[in-house]
PDB file of all heavy atoms in Angstrom:
ATOM      1  N   ASP A   1      71.261  11.985   0.390  1.00  0.00           N
ATOM      2  CA  ASP A   1      72.042  11.441  -0.720  1.00  0.00           C
ATOM      3  C   ASP A   1      71.313  11.571  -2.056  1.00  0.00           C
ATOM      4  O   ASP A   1      71.796  11.106  -3.085  1.00  0.00           O
ATOM      5  CB  ASP A   1      72.375   9.972  -0.469  1.00  0.00           C
ATOM      6  CG  ASP A   1      71.123   9.129  -0.265  1.00  0.00           C
ATOM      7  OD1 ASP A   1      70.014   9.719  -0.182  1.00  0.00           O
ATOM      8  OD2 ASP A   1      71.250   7.892  -0.181  1.00  0.00           O
ATOM      9  N   GLY A   2      70.144  12.225  -2.048  1.00  0.00           N
ATOM     10  CA  GLY A   2      69.386  12.395  -3.278  1.00  0.00           C
ATOM     11  C   GLY A   2      68.431  11.266  -3.579  1.00  0.00           C
ATOM     12  O   GLY A   2      67.643  11.348  -4.525  1.00  0.00           O
ATOM     13  N   GLY A   3      68.480  10.193  -2.776  1.00  0.00           N
ATOM     14  CA  GLY A   3      67.594   9.060  -3.001  1.00  0.00           C
ATOM     15  C   GLY A   3      66.181   9.339  -2.511  1.00  0.00           C
ATOM     16  O   GLY A   3      65.981  10.121  -1.567  1.00  0.00           O
ATOM     17  N   ARG A   4      65.195   8.717  -3.160  1.00  0.00           N
ATOM     18  CA  ARG A   4      63.790   8.893  -2.797  1.00  0.00           C
ATOM     19  C   ARG A   4      63.325   7.728  -1.937  1.00  0.00           C
ATOM     20  O   ARG A   4      63.703   6.577  -2.149  1.00  0.00           O
ATOM     21  CB  ARG A   4      62.922   8.969  -4.060  1.00  0.00           C
ATOM     22  CG  ARG A   4      63.281  10.083  -5.009  1.00  0.00           C
ATOM     23  CD  ARG A   4      62.725  11.412  -4.558  1.00  0.00           C
ATOM     24  NE  ARG A   4      61.280  11.488  -4.770  1.00  0.00           N
ATOM     25  CZ  ARG A   4      60.541  12.534  -4.407  1.00  0.00           C
ATOM     26  NH1 ARG A   4      61.107  13.568  -3.804  1.00  0.00           N
ATOM     27  NH2 ARG A   4      59.250  12.553  -4.640  1.00  0.00           N
ATOM     28  N   PHE A   5      62.507   8.035  -0.933  1.00  0.00           N
ATOM     29  CA  PHE A   5      61.950   6.984  -0.094  1.00  0.00           C
ATOM     30  C   PHE A   5      60.537   7.376   0.328  1.00  0.00           C
ATOM     31  O   PHE A   5      60.145   8.534   0.272  1.00  0.00           O
ATOM     32  CB  PHE A   5      62.838   6.727   1.132  1.00  0.00           C
ATOM     33  CG  PHE A   5      62.971   7.913   2.059  1.00  0.00           C
ATOM     34  CD1 PHE A   5      62.125   8.057   3.159  1.00  0.00           C
ATOM     35  CD2 PHE A   5      63.934   8.886   1.831  1.00  0.00           C
ATOM     36  CE1 PHE A   5      62.245   9.145   4.014  1.00  0.00           C
ATOM     37  CE2 PHE A   5      64.057   9.978   2.680  1.00  0.00           C
ATOM     38  CZ  PHE A   5      63.206  10.106   3.777  1.00  0.00           C
ATOM     39  N   ILE A   6      59.765   6.376   0.716  1.00  0.00           N
ATOM     40  CA  ILE A   6      58.370   6.564   1.091  1.00  0.00           C
ATOM     41  C   ILE A   6      58.259   6.602   2.619  1.00  0.00           C
ATOM     42  O   ILE A   6      58.850   5.790   3.321  1.00  0.00           O
ATOM     43  CB  ILE A   6      57.486   5.437   0.530  1.00  0.00           C
ATOM     44  CG1 ILE A   6      57.581   5.395  -0.999  1.00  0.00           C
ATOM     45  CG2 ILE A   6      56.032   5.633   0.956  1.00  0.00           C
ATOM     46  CD1 ILE A   6      57.129   6.675  -1.676  1.00  0.00           C
ATOM     47  N   LEU A   7      57.502   7.577   3.104  1.00  0.00           N
ATOM     48  CA  LEU A   7      57.330   7.756   4.536  1.00  0.00           C
ATOM     49  C   LEU A   7      55.845   7.800   4.877  1.00  0.00           C
ATOM     50  O   LEU A   7      55.077   8.507   4.229  1.00  0.00           O
ATOM     51  CB  LEU A   7      58.005   9.063   4.988  1.00  0.00           C
ATOM     52  CG  LEU A   7      57.826   9.463   6.457  1.00  0.00           C
ATOM     53  CD1 LEU A   7      58.563   8.487   7.367  1.00  0.00           C
ATOM     54  CD2 LEU A   7      58.335  10.887   6.685  1.00  0.00           C
ATOM     55  N   GLU A   8      55.441   6.993   5.855  1.00  0.00           N
ATOM     56  CA  GLU A   8      54.068   7.032   6.349  1.00  0.00           C
ATOM     57  C   GLU A   8      54.002   7.958   7.562  1.00  0.00           C
ATOM     58  O   GLU A   8      54.774   7.800   8.512  1.00  0.00           O
ATOM     59  CB  GLU A   8      53.570   5.641   6.728  1.00  0.00           C
ATOM     60  CG  GLU A   8      53.316   4.738   5.535  1.00  0.00           C
ATOM     61  CD  GLU A   8      52.660   3.433   5.939  1.00  0.00           C
ATOM     62  OE1 GLU A   8      52.430   3.254   7.155  1.00  0.00           O
ATOM     63  OE2 GLU A   8      52.382   2.603   5.053  1.00  0.00           O
ATOM     64  N   LYS A   9      53.090   8.912   7.515  1.00  0.00           N
ATOM     65  CA  LYS A   9      52.989   9.892   8.584  1.00  0.00           C
ATOM     66  C   LYS A   9      51.597   9.831   9.209  1.00  0.00           C
ATOM     67  O   LYS A   9      50.581   9.849   8.507  1.00  0.00           O
ATOM     68  CB  LYS A   9      53.245  11.300   8.031  1.00  0.00           C
ATOM     69  CG  LYS A   9      53.221  12.387   9.107  1.00  0.00           C
ATOM     70  CD  LYS A   9      53.517  13.748   8.493  1.00  0.00           C
ATOM     71  CE  LYS A   9      53.476  14.843   9.554  1.00  0.00           C
ATOM     72  NZ  LYS A   9      53.742  16.177   8.963  1.00  0.00           N
ATOM     73  N   ASN A  10      51.555   9.738  10.542  1.00  0.00           N
ATOM     74  CA  ASN A  10      50.279   9.729  11.250  1.00  0.00           C
ATOM     75  C   ASN A  10      49.680  11.133  11.259  1.00  0.00           C
ATOM     76  O   ASN A  10      50.377  12.119  11.519  1.00  0.00           O
ATOM     77  CB  ASN A  10      50.460   9.241  12.687  1.00  0.00           C
ATOM     78  CG  ASN A  10      50.865   7.781  12.756  1.00  0.00           C
ATOM     79  OD1 ASN A  10      50.440   6.988  11.931  1.00  0.00           O
ATOM     80  ND2 ASN A  10      51.701   7.433  13.729  1.00  0.00           N
ATOM     81  N   ILE A  11      48.396  11.232  10.962  1.00  0.00           N
ATOM     82  CA  ILE A  11      47.717  12.516  10.951  1.00  0.00           C
ATOM     83  C   ILE A  11      46.371  12.387  11.647  1.00  0.00           C
ATOM     84  O   ILE A  11      45.884  11.285  11.883  1.00  0.00           O
ATOM     85  CB  ILE A  11      47.488  13.031   9.511  1.00  0.00           C
ATOM     86  CG1 ILE A  11      46.632  12.031   8.719  1.00  0.00           C
ATOM     87  CG2 ILE A  11      48.789  13.310   8.803  1.00  0.00           C
ATOM     88  CD1 ILE A  11      46.223  12.516   7.362  1.00  0.00           C
ATOM     89  N   LYS A  12      45.807  13.504  12.010  1.00  0.00           N
ATOM     90  CA  LYS A  12      44.475  13.548  12.604  1.00  0.00           C
ATOM     91  C   LYS A  12      43.490  14.054  11.555  1.00  0.00           C
ATOM     92  O   LYS A  12      43.782  15.008  10.833  1.00  0.00           O
ATOM     93  CB  LYS A  12      44.460  14.483  13.818  1.00  0.00           C
ATOM     94  CG  LYS A  12      45.215  13.955  15.033  1.00  0.00           C
ATOM     95  CD  LYS A  12      44.419  12.866  15.736  1.00  0.00           C
ATOM     96  CE  LYS A  12      45.109  12.452  17.036  1.00  0.00           C
ATOM     97  NZ  LYS A  12      44.335  11.424  17.753  1.00  0.00           N
ATOM     98  N   THR A  13      42.348  13.414  11.492  1.00  0.00           N
ATOM     99  CA  THR A  13      41.322  13.844  10.549  1.00  0.00           C
ATOM    100  C   THR A  13      40.012  14.093  11.282  1.00  0.00           C
ATOM    101  O   THR A  13      39.784  13.579  12.378  1.00  0.00           O
ATOM    102  CB  THR A  13      41.093  12.786   9.456  1.00  0.00           C
ATOM    103  OG1 THR A  13      40.700  11.548  10.074  1.00  0.00           O
ATOM    104  CG2 THR A  13      42.344  12.566   8.644  1.00  0.00           C
ATOM    105  N   ILE A  14      39.169  14.900  10.644  1.00  0.00           N
ATOM    106  CA  ILE A  14      37.849  15.203  11.192  1.00  0.00           C
ATOM    107  C   ILE A  14      36.807  14.514  10.325  1.00  0.00           C
ATOM    108  O   ILE A  14      36.826  14.644   9.103  1.00  0.00           O
ATOM    109  CB  ILE A  14      37.588  16.718  11.218  1.00  0.00           C
ATOM    110  CG1 ILE A  14      38.639  17.424  12.075  1.00  0.00           C
ATOM    111  CG2 ILE A  14      36.193  17.020  11.735  1.00  0.00           C
ATOM    112  CD1 ILE A  14      38.542  18.926  12.021  1.00  0.00           C
ATOM    113  N   GLU A  15      35.907  13.793  10.967  1.00  0.00           N
ATOM    114  CA  GLU A  15      34.853  13.095  10.243  1.00  0.00           C
ATOM    115  C   GLU A  15      33.502  13.658  10.658  1.00  0.00           C
ATOM    116  O   GLU A  15      33.190  13.740  11.849  1.00  0.00           O
ATOM    117  CB  GLU A  15      34.901  11.593  10.534  1.00  0.00           C
ATOM    118  CG  GLU A  15      33.820  10.807   9.810  1.00  0.00           C
ATOM    119  CD  GLU A  15      33.849   9.336  10.172  1.00  0.00           C
ATOM    120  OE1 GLU A  15      34.639   8.585   9.547  1.00  0.00           O
ATOM    121  OE2 GLU A  15      33.100   8.933  11.079  1.00  0.00           O
ATOM    122  N   ILE A  16      32.707  14.049   9.655  1.00  0.00           N
ATOM    123  CA  ILE A  16      31.349  14.540   9.915  1.00  0.00           C
ATOM    124  C   ILE A  16      30.380  13.592   9.223  1.00  0.00           C
ATOM    125  O   ILE A  16      30.407  13.436   8.003  1.00  0.00           O
ATOM    126  CB  ILE A  16      31.154  15.970   9.378  1.00  0.00           C
ATOM    127  CG1 ILE A  16      32.126  16.926  10.063  1.00  0.00           C
ATOM    128  CG2 ILE A  16      29.719  16.438   9.605  1.00  0.00           C
ATOM    129  CD1 ILE A  16      32.059  18.355   9.536  1.00  0.00           C
ATOM    130  N   SER A  17      29.546  12.942  10.001  1.00  0.00           N
ATOM    131  CA  SER A  17      28.598  11.980   9.454  1.00  0.00           C
ATOM    132  C   SER A  17      27.277  12.676   9.138  1.00  0.00           C
ATOM    133  O   SER A  17      26.616  13.209  10.031  1.00  0.00           O
ATOM    134  CB  SER A  17      28.366  10.836  10.452  1.00  0.00           C
ATOM    135  OG  SER A  17      27.399   9.938   9.974  1.00  0.00           O
ATOM    136  N   ILE A  18      26.915  12.671   7.850  1.00  0.00           N
ATOM    137  CA  ILE A  18      25.656  13.320   7.457  1.00  0.00           C
ATOM    138  C   ILE A  18      24.580  12.304   7.102  1.00  0.00           C
ATOM    139  O   ILE A  18      23.470  12.674   6.732  1.00  0.00           O
ATOM    140  CB  ILE A  18      25.882  14.258   6.250  1.00  0.00           C
ATOM    141  CG1 ILE A  18      26.398  13.475   5.045  1.00  0.00           C
ATOM    142  CG2 ILE A  18      26.833  15.376   6.609  1.00  0.00           C
ATOM    143  CD1 ILE A  18      26.496  14.319   3.787  1.00  0.00           C
ATOM    144  N   GLY A  19      24.884  11.018   7.230  1.00  0.00           N
ATOM    145  CA  GLY A  19      23.911   9.973   6.934  1.00  0.00           C
ATOM    146  C   GLY A  19      24.344   9.137   5.754  1.00  0.00           C
ATOM    147  O   GLY A  19      25.113   9.590   4.896  1.00  0.00           O
ATOM    148  N   SER A  20      23.822   7.908   5.690  1.00  0.00           N
ATOM    149  CA  SER A  20      24.230   6.973   4.641  1.00  0.00           C
ATOM    150  C   SER A  20      23.366   7.058   3.401  1.00  0.00           C
ATOM    151  O   SER A  20      23.741   6.569   2.340  1.00  0.00           O
ATOM    152  CB  SER A  20      24.194   5.534   5.178  1.00  0.00           C
ATOM    153  OG  SER A  20      22.886   5.227   5.667  1.00  0.00           O
ATOM    154  N   ASN A  21      22.187   7.675   3.485  1.00  0.00           N
ATOM    155  CA  ASN A  21      21.315   7.815   2.313  1.00  0.00           C
ATOM    156  C   ASN A  21      20.372   8.989   2.541  1.00  0.00           C
ATOM    157  O   ASN A  21      20.408   9.651   3.591  1.00  0.00           O
ATOM    158  CB  ASN A  21      20.534   6.519   2.048  1.00  0.00           C
ATOM    159  CG  ASN A  21      19.796   6.040   3.293  1.00  0.00           C
ATOM    160  OD1 ASN A  21      18.996   6.777   3.880  1.00  0.00           O
ATOM    161  ND2 ASN A  21      20.072   4.808   3.707  1.00  0.00           N
ATOM    162  N   LEU A  22      19.502   9.241   1.561  1.00  0.00           N
ATOM    163  CA  LEU A  22      18.608  10.395   1.633  1.00  0.00           C
ATOM    164  C   LEU A  22      17.643  10.303   2.804  1.00  0.00           C
ATOM    165  O   LEU A  22      17.200  11.328   3.340  1.00  0.00           O
ATOM    166  CB  LEU A  22      17.818  10.520   0.315  1.00  0.00           C
ATOM    167  CG  LEU A  22      18.630  10.929  -0.919  1.00  0.00           C
ATOM    168  CD1 LEU A  22      17.754  10.892  -2.161  1.00  0.00           C
ATOM    169  CD2 LEU A  22      19.238  12.308  -0.738  1.00  0.00           C
ATOM    170  N   GLN A  23      17.309   9.084   3.229  1.00  0.00           N
ATOM    171  CA  GLN A  23      16.348   8.920   4.321  1.00  0.00           C
ATOM    172  C   GLN A  23      16.970   9.171   5.688  1.00  0.00           C
ATOM    173  O   GLN A  23      16.256   9.429   6.656  1.00  0.00           O
ATOM    174  CB  GLN A  23      15.742   7.504   4.286  1.00  0.00           C
ATOM    175  CG  GLN A  23      14.718   7.278   3.172  1.00  0.00           C
ATOM    176  CD  GLN A  23      15.349   7.228   1.795  1.00  0.00           C
ATOM    177  OE1 GLN A  23      16.443   6.694   1.627  1.00  0.00           O
ATOM    178  NE2 GLN A  23      14.676   7.796   0.804  1.00  0.00           N
ATOM    179  N   THR A  24      18.306   9.086   5.775  1.00  0.00           N
ATOM    180  CA  THR A  24      18.962   9.216   7.081  1.00  0.00           C
ATOM    181  C   THR A  24      19.825  10.472   7.189  1.00  0.00           C
ATOM    182  O   THR A  24      20.660  10.564   8.082  1.00  0.00           O
ATOM    183  CB  THR A  24      19.840   7.978   7.356  1.00  0.00           C
ATOM    184  OG1 THR A  24      20.858   7.888   6.347  1.00  0.00           O
ATOM    185  CG2 THR A  24      19.005   6.702   7.352  1.00  0.00           C
ATOM    186  N   ILE A  25      19.637  11.437   6.300  1.00  0.00           N
ATOM    187  CA  ILE A  25      20.456  12.648   6.327  1.00  0.00           C
ATOM    188  C   ILE A  25      20.186  13.445   7.602  1.00  0.00           C
ATOM    189  O   ILE A  25      19.035  13.690   7.969  1.00  0.00           O
ATOM    190  CB  ILE A  25      20.177  13.533   5.098  1.00  0.00           C
ATOM    191  CG1 ILE A  25      20.799  12.902   3.855  1.00  0.00           C
ATOM    192  CG2 ILE A  25      20.741  14.937   5.289  1.00  0.00           C
ATOM    193  CD1 ILE A  25      20.597  13.704   2.595  1.00  0.00           C
ATOM    194  N   ASN A  26      21.262  13.826   8.280  1.00  0.00           N
ATOM    195  CA  ASN A  26      21.167  14.719   9.423  1.00  0.00           C
ATOM    196  C   ASN A  26      21.434  16.132   8.912  1.00  0.00           C
ATOM    197  O   ASN A  26      22.560  16.481   8.568  1.00  0.00           O
ATOM    198  CB  ASN A  26      22.194  14.334  10.497  1.00  0.00           C
ATOM    199  CG  ASN A  26      22.038  15.163  11.754  1.00  0.00           C
ATOM    200  OD1 ASN A  26      22.219  16.379  11.741  1.00  0.00           O
ATOM    201  ND2 ASN A  26      21.700  14.508  12.850  1.00  0.00           N
ATOM    202  N   PHE A  27      20.392  16.951   8.852  1.00  0.00           N
ATOM    203  CA  PHE A  27      20.508  18.257   8.212  1.00  0.00           C
ATOM    204  C   PHE A  27      21.316  19.256   9.033  1.00  0.00           C
ATOM    205  O   PHE A  27      21.874  20.200   8.483  1.00  0.00           O
ATOM    206  CB  PHE A  27      19.113  18.807   7.904  1.00  0.00           C
ATOM    207  CG  PHE A  27      18.426  18.072   6.793  1.00  0.00           C
ATOM    208  CD1 PHE A  27      17.523  17.055   7.068  1.00  0.00           C
ATOM    209  CD2 PHE A  27      18.715  18.362   5.472  1.00  0.00           C
ATOM    210  CE1 PHE A  27      16.901  16.356   6.035  1.00  0.00           C
ATOM    211  CE2 PHE A  27      18.099  17.677   4.427  1.00  0.00           C
ATOM    212  CZ  PHE A  27      17.191  16.666   4.720  1.00  0.00           C
ATOM    213  N   ASP A  28      21.406  19.049  10.352  1.00  0.00           N
ATOM    214  CA  ASP A  28      22.274  19.914  11.161  1.00  0.00           C
ATOM    215  C   ASP A  28      23.737  19.688  10.787  1.00  0.00           C
ATOM    216  O   ASP A  28      24.508  20.641  10.645  1.00  0.00           O
ATOM    217  CB  ASP A  28      22.055  19.627  12.652  1.00  0.00           C
ATOM    218  CG  ASP A  28      20.698  20.124  13.136  1.00  0.00           C
ATOM    219  OD1 ASP A  28      20.142  21.017  12.481  1.00  0.00           O
ATOM    220  OD2 ASP A  28      20.216  19.616  14.166  1.00  0.00           O
ATOM    221  N   ALA A  29      24.110  18.409  10.648  1.00  0.00           N
ATOM    222  CA  ALA A  29      25.489  18.086  10.258  1.00  0.00           C
ATOM    223  C   ALA A  29      25.753  18.541   8.835  1.00  0.00           C
ATOM    224  O   ALA A  29      26.847  19.021   8.515  1.00  0.00           O
ATOM    225  CB  ALA A  29      25.733  16.583  10.386  1.00  0.00           C
TER     226      ALA A  29
END
């Protein structure tokens, strides 16, 4: 009908943890 509506869509994401600070950086990641 031309009206706009908001839709929430489930998605998959990839998370790569490289560390929380310079002392805990994982250089392989």
